[in-house]
């Protein structure tokens, strides 16, 4: 007699709330570190699975590709990897609370996942800190 699906399941994963993808491609967001960049333009969302013709979008904790829109001349018009640490659209938390920030912000990282800057300006969402421990170490406030 074959095993039923429920018996052969690998186990239950921790319940994780869905975070709405609120920052679309070509959005201009704030840079929340001390690399010198002021604003970043979102170019691509890493590991995005979407529907045909749907514009890719990012949420807190996602890795993205950005172009420096405002900043020092040597950084402008160059692409970097980044991680979204804040979003304006509310994030639903497990306790039933909703969390939203004043702005959309990201932190520039190296291709290996290390932070390019040495300091983070402003709060960091707990969802991003959970996914990226290096960012959690340098964050002054985790909300």
C-alpha atoms as a PDB file:
ATOM      1  CA  UNK A   1       0.000   0.000   0.000  1.00  0.00           C
ATOM      2  CA  UNK A   2       1.548   3.366  -1.009  1.00  0.00           C
ATOM      3  CA  UNK A   3       2.179   6.007   1.620  1.00  0.00           C
ATOM      4  CA  UNK A   4      -0.222   8.883   1.751  1.00  0.00           C
ATOM      5  CA  UNK A   5       1.065  12.328   0.952  1.00  0.00           C
ATOM      6  CA  UNK A   6       0.700  13.566   4.522  1.00  0.00           C
ATOM      7  CA  UNK A   7       2.903  10.832   5.957  1.00  0.00           C
ATOM      8  CA  UNK A   8       5.714  11.275   3.449  1.00  0.00           C
ATOM      9  CA  UNK A   9       5.804  15.083   3.776  1.00  0.00           C
ATOM     10  CA  UNK A  10       9.173  16.483   4.856  1.00  0.00           C
ATOM     11  CA  UNK A  11       7.768  18.521   7.724  1.00  0.00           C
ATOM     12  CA  UNK A  12       6.059  21.797   8.349  1.00  0.00           C
ATOM     13  CA  UNK A  13       8.021  24.959   7.651  1.00  0.00           C
ATOM     14  CA  UNK A  14       7.765  27.914  10.008  1.00  0.00           C
ATOM     15  CA  UNK A  15       4.773  30.089   9.185  1.00  0.00           C
ATOM     16  CA  UNK A  16       5.966  33.147   7.296  1.00  0.00           C
ATOM     17  CA  UNK A  17       3.676  36.027   6.391  1.00  0.00           C
ATOM     18  CA  UNK A  18       3.726  37.294   2.831  1.00  0.00           C
ATOM     19  CA  UNK A  19       5.300  40.727   2.396  1.00  0.00           C
ATOM     20  CA  UNK A  20       3.661  42.693  -0.415  1.00  0.00           C
ATOM     21  CA  UNK A  21       6.072  43.550  -3.214  1.00  0.00           C
ATOM     22  CA  UNK A  22       5.691  47.320  -3.127  1.00  0.00           C
ATOM     23  CA  UNK A  23       8.770  48.785  -4.869  1.00  0.00           C
ATOM     24  CA  UNK A  24       8.555  48.325  -8.675  1.00  0.00           C
ATOM     25  CA  UNK A  25      11.427  48.343 -11.152  1.00  0.00           C
ATOM     26  CA  UNK A  26      12.566  51.912 -12.047  1.00  0.00           C
ATOM     27  CA  UNK A  27      11.558  53.257  -8.614  1.00  0.00           C
ATOM     28  CA  UNK A  28      13.981  55.768  -7.077  1.00  0.00           C
ATOM     29  CA  UNK A  29      14.766  54.893  -3.458  1.00  0.00           C
ATOM     30  CA  UNK A  30      16.997  56.299  -0.727  1.00  0.00           C
ATOM     31  CA  UNK A  31      20.436  54.868   0.069  1.00  0.00           C
ATOM     32  CA  UNK A  32      20.609  54.122   3.803  1.00  0.00           C
ATOM     33  CA  UNK A  33      24.368  53.639   4.210  1.00  0.00           C
ATOM     34  CA  UNK A  34      27.515  55.777   4.199  1.00  0.00           C
ATOM     35  CA  UNK A  35      28.892  54.777   0.778  1.00  0.00           C
ATOM     36  CA  UNK A  36      28.248  58.304  -0.539  1.00  0.00           C
ATOM     37  CA  UNK A  37      25.273  57.452  -2.760  1.00  0.00           C
ATOM     38  CA  UNK A  38      22.120  59.476  -2.040  1.00  0.00           C
ATOM     39  CA  UNK A  39      19.454  57.936  -4.286  1.00  0.00           C
ATOM     40  CA  UNK A  40      19.309  54.599  -6.096  1.00  0.00           C
ATOM     41  CA  UNK A  41      17.229  53.532  -9.089  1.00  0.00           C
ATOM     42  CA  UNK A  42      15.955  49.947  -8.977  1.00  0.00           C
ATOM     43  CA  UNK A  43      16.920  48.073 -12.159  1.00  0.00           C
ATOM     44  CA  UNK A  44      16.280  44.395 -11.377  1.00  0.00           C
ATOM     45  CA  UNK A  45      14.950  42.169  -8.602  1.00  0.00           C
ATOM     46  CA  UNK A  46      16.979  39.012  -7.894  1.00  0.00           C
ATOM     47  CA  UNK A  47      15.068  35.695  -7.641  1.00  0.00           C
ATOM     48  CA  UNK A  48      11.780  37.304  -8.724  1.00  0.00           C
ATOM     49  CA  UNK A  49       9.130  34.883  -9.922  1.00  0.00           C
ATOM     50  CA  UNK A  50       6.272  36.705 -11.576  1.00  0.00           C
ATOM     51  CA  UNK A  51       3.538  36.469 -14.134  1.00  0.00           C
ATOM     52  CA  UNK A  52       3.949  37.249 -17.840  1.00  0.00           C
ATOM     53  CA  UNK A  53       3.926  41.033 -18.437  1.00  0.00           C
ATOM     54  CA  UNK A  54       3.938  41.788 -14.690  1.00  0.00           C
ATOM     55  CA  UNK A  55       6.501  44.367 -13.697  1.00  0.00           C
ATOM     56  CA  UNK A  56       9.017  42.922 -11.208  1.00  0.00           C
ATOM     57  CA  UNK A  57       8.843  44.473  -7.752  1.00  0.00           C
ATOM     58  CA  UNK A  58      10.796  44.176  -4.499  1.00  0.00           C
ATOM     59  CA  UNK A  59       9.952  44.146  -0.813  1.00  0.00           C
ATOM     60  CA  UNK A  60      11.851  44.278   2.481  1.00  0.00           C
ATOM     61  CA  UNK A  61      14.739  41.800   2.565  1.00  0.00           C
ATOM     62  CA  UNK A  62      14.955  41.289  -1.216  1.00  0.00           C
ATOM     63  CA  UNK A  63      18.249  41.500  -3.080  1.00  0.00           C
ATOM     64  CA  UNK A  64      18.087  43.976  -5.956  1.00  0.00           C
ATOM     65  CA  UNK A  65      20.303  45.538  -8.632  1.00  0.00           C
ATOM     66  CA  UNK A  66      20.478  49.322  -8.493  1.00  0.00           C
ATOM     67  CA  UNK A  67      22.045  52.230 -10.383  1.00  0.00           C
ATOM     68  CA  UNK A  68      23.281  55.209  -8.371  1.00  0.00           C
ATOM     69  CA  UNK A  69      21.111  58.158  -9.459  1.00  0.00           C
ATOM     70  CA  UNK A  70      22.562  60.810  -7.111  1.00  0.00           C
ATOM     71  CA  UNK A  71      25.955  60.550  -5.469  1.00  0.00           C
ATOM     72  CA  UNK A  72      29.683  61.013  -6.076  1.00  0.00           C
ATOM     73  CA  UNK A  73      30.741  61.175  -9.760  1.00  0.00           C
ATOM     74  CA  UNK A  74      32.763  57.934  -9.544  1.00  0.00           C
ATOM     75  CA  UNK A  75      29.673  56.010  -8.323  1.00  0.00           C
ATOM     76  CA  UNK A  76      27.029  57.546 -10.592  1.00  0.00           C
ATOM     77  CA  UNK A  77      25.631  55.422 -13.432  1.00  0.00           C
ATOM     78  CA  UNK A  78      27.250  52.267 -12.014  1.00  0.00           C
ATOM     79  CA  UNK A  79      25.295  49.156 -11.058  1.00  0.00           C
ATOM     80  CA  UNK A  80      25.524  47.626  -7.594  1.00  0.00           C
ATOM     81  CA  UNK A  81      23.777  44.893  -5.640  1.00  0.00           C
ATOM     82  CA  UNK A  82      21.607  46.146  -2.783  1.00  0.00           C
ATOM     83  CA  UNK A  83      19.158  44.942  -0.115  1.00  0.00           C
ATOM     84  CA  UNK A  84      15.844  46.669   0.625  1.00  0.00           C
ATOM     85  CA  UNK A  85      15.693  47.547   4.348  1.00  0.00           C
ATOM     86  CA  UNK A  86      12.579  49.794   4.506  1.00  0.00           C
ATOM     87  CA  UNK A  87       9.357  50.162   2.540  1.00  0.00           C
ATOM     88  CA  UNK A  88       6.446  52.593   2.807  1.00  0.00           C
ATOM     89  CA  UNK A  89       3.770  50.007   2.157  1.00  0.00           C
ATOM     90  CA  UNK A  90       2.664  48.307   5.430  1.00  0.00           C
ATOM     91  CA  UNK A  91       4.200  44.944   6.358  1.00  0.00           C
ATOM     92  CA  UNK A  92       1.888  42.499   8.151  1.00  0.00           C
ATOM     93  CA  UNK A  93       3.491  40.964  11.230  1.00  0.00           C
ATOM     94  CA  UNK A  94       2.538  37.676  12.923  1.00  0.00           C
ATOM     95  CA  UNK A  95       0.985  39.354  15.995  1.00  0.00           C
ATOM     96  CA  UNK A  96      -1.553  41.084  13.743  1.00  0.00           C
ATOM     97  CA  UNK A  97       0.301  44.409  13.721  1.00  0.00           C
ATOM     98  CA  UNK A  98       1.168  46.336  10.577  1.00  0.00           C
ATOM     99  CA  UNK A  99       4.509  48.112  10.196  1.00  0.00           C
ATOM    100  CA  UNK A 100       5.292  50.855   7.675  1.00  0.00           C
ATOM    101  CA  UNK A 101       8.207  53.271   7.304  1.00  0.00           C
ATOM    102  CA  UNK A 102       8.493  56.878   6.135  1.00  0.00           C
ATOM    103  CA  UNK A 103      10.523  56.001   3.040  1.00  0.00           C
ATOM    104  CA  UNK A 104      11.771  53.225   0.780  1.00  0.00           C
ATOM    105  CA  UNK A 105      15.466  52.565   1.433  1.00  0.00           C
ATOM    106  CA  UNK A 106      18.203  50.111   0.476  1.00  0.00           C
ATOM    107  CA  UNK A 107      21.790  49.309   1.452  1.00  0.00           C
ATOM    108  CA  UNK A 108      24.520  48.678  -1.139  1.00  0.00           C
ATOM    109  CA  UNK A 109      26.280  45.310  -0.811  1.00  0.00           C
ATOM    110  CA  UNK A 110      29.123  43.564  -2.619  1.00  0.00           C
ATOM    111  CA  UNK A 111      28.433  40.564  -4.912  1.00  0.00           C
ATOM    112  CA  UNK A 112      29.548  38.278  -2.031  1.00  0.00           C
ATOM    113  CA  UNK A 113      26.902  39.721   0.307  1.00  0.00           C
ATOM    114  CA  UNK A 114      29.154  41.952   2.445  1.00  0.00           C
ATOM    115  CA  UNK A 115      28.111  45.534   3.138  1.00  0.00           C
ATOM    116  CA  UNK A 116      29.956  48.168   1.101  1.00  0.00           C
ATOM    117  CA  UNK A 117      29.501  50.880   3.757  1.00  0.00           C
ATOM    118  CA  UNK A 118      30.304  50.780   7.451  1.00  0.00           C
ATOM    119  CA  UNK A 119      27.214  52.470   8.910  1.00  0.00           C
ATOM    120  CA  UNK A 120      23.435  52.335   8.445  1.00  0.00           C
ATOM    121  CA  UNK A 121      21.286  55.469   8.634  1.00  0.00           C
ATOM    122  CA  UNK A 122      17.847  55.008  10.151  1.00  0.00           C
ATOM    123  CA  UNK A 123      15.919  51.903  11.225  1.00  0.00           C
ATOM    124  CA  UNK A 124      16.034  48.484   9.548  1.00  0.00           C
ATOM    125  CA  UNK A 125      13.005  46.199   9.243  1.00  0.00           C
ATOM    126  CA  UNK A 126      13.215  43.005  11.310  1.00  0.00           C
ATOM    127  CA  UNK A 127      12.423  40.951   8.171  1.00  0.00           C
ATOM    128  CA  UNK A 128      15.553  42.269   6.420  1.00  0.00           C
ATOM    129  CA  UNK A 129      17.703  41.820   9.546  1.00  0.00           C
ATOM    130  CA  UNK A 130      16.539  38.198   9.831  1.00  0.00           C
ATOM    131  CA  UNK A 131      17.552  37.381   6.240  1.00  0.00           C
ATOM    132  CA  UNK A 132      20.829  39.349   6.275  1.00  0.00           C
ATOM    133  CA  UNK A 133      22.801  38.884   9.548  1.00  0.00           C
ATOM    134  CA  UNK A 134      25.628  41.208   8.404  1.00  0.00           C
ATOM    135  CA  UNK A 135      23.133  44.039   8.078  1.00  0.00           C
ATOM    136  CA  UNK A 136      21.640  43.171  11.490  1.00  0.00           C
ATOM    137  CA  UNK A 137      25.109  43.526  13.103  1.00  0.00           C
ATOM    138  CA  UNK A 138      25.571  47.091  11.840  1.00  0.00           C
ATOM    139  CA  UNK A 139      21.978  48.288  12.278  1.00  0.00           C
ATOM    140  CA  UNK A 140      21.520  50.790  15.095  1.00  0.00           C
ATOM    141  CA  UNK A 141      17.737  50.250  15.272  1.00  0.00           C
ATOM    142  CA  UNK A 142      15.871  47.086  14.215  1.00  0.00           C
ATOM    143  CA  UNK A 143      12.106  47.614  14.113  1.00  0.00           C
END
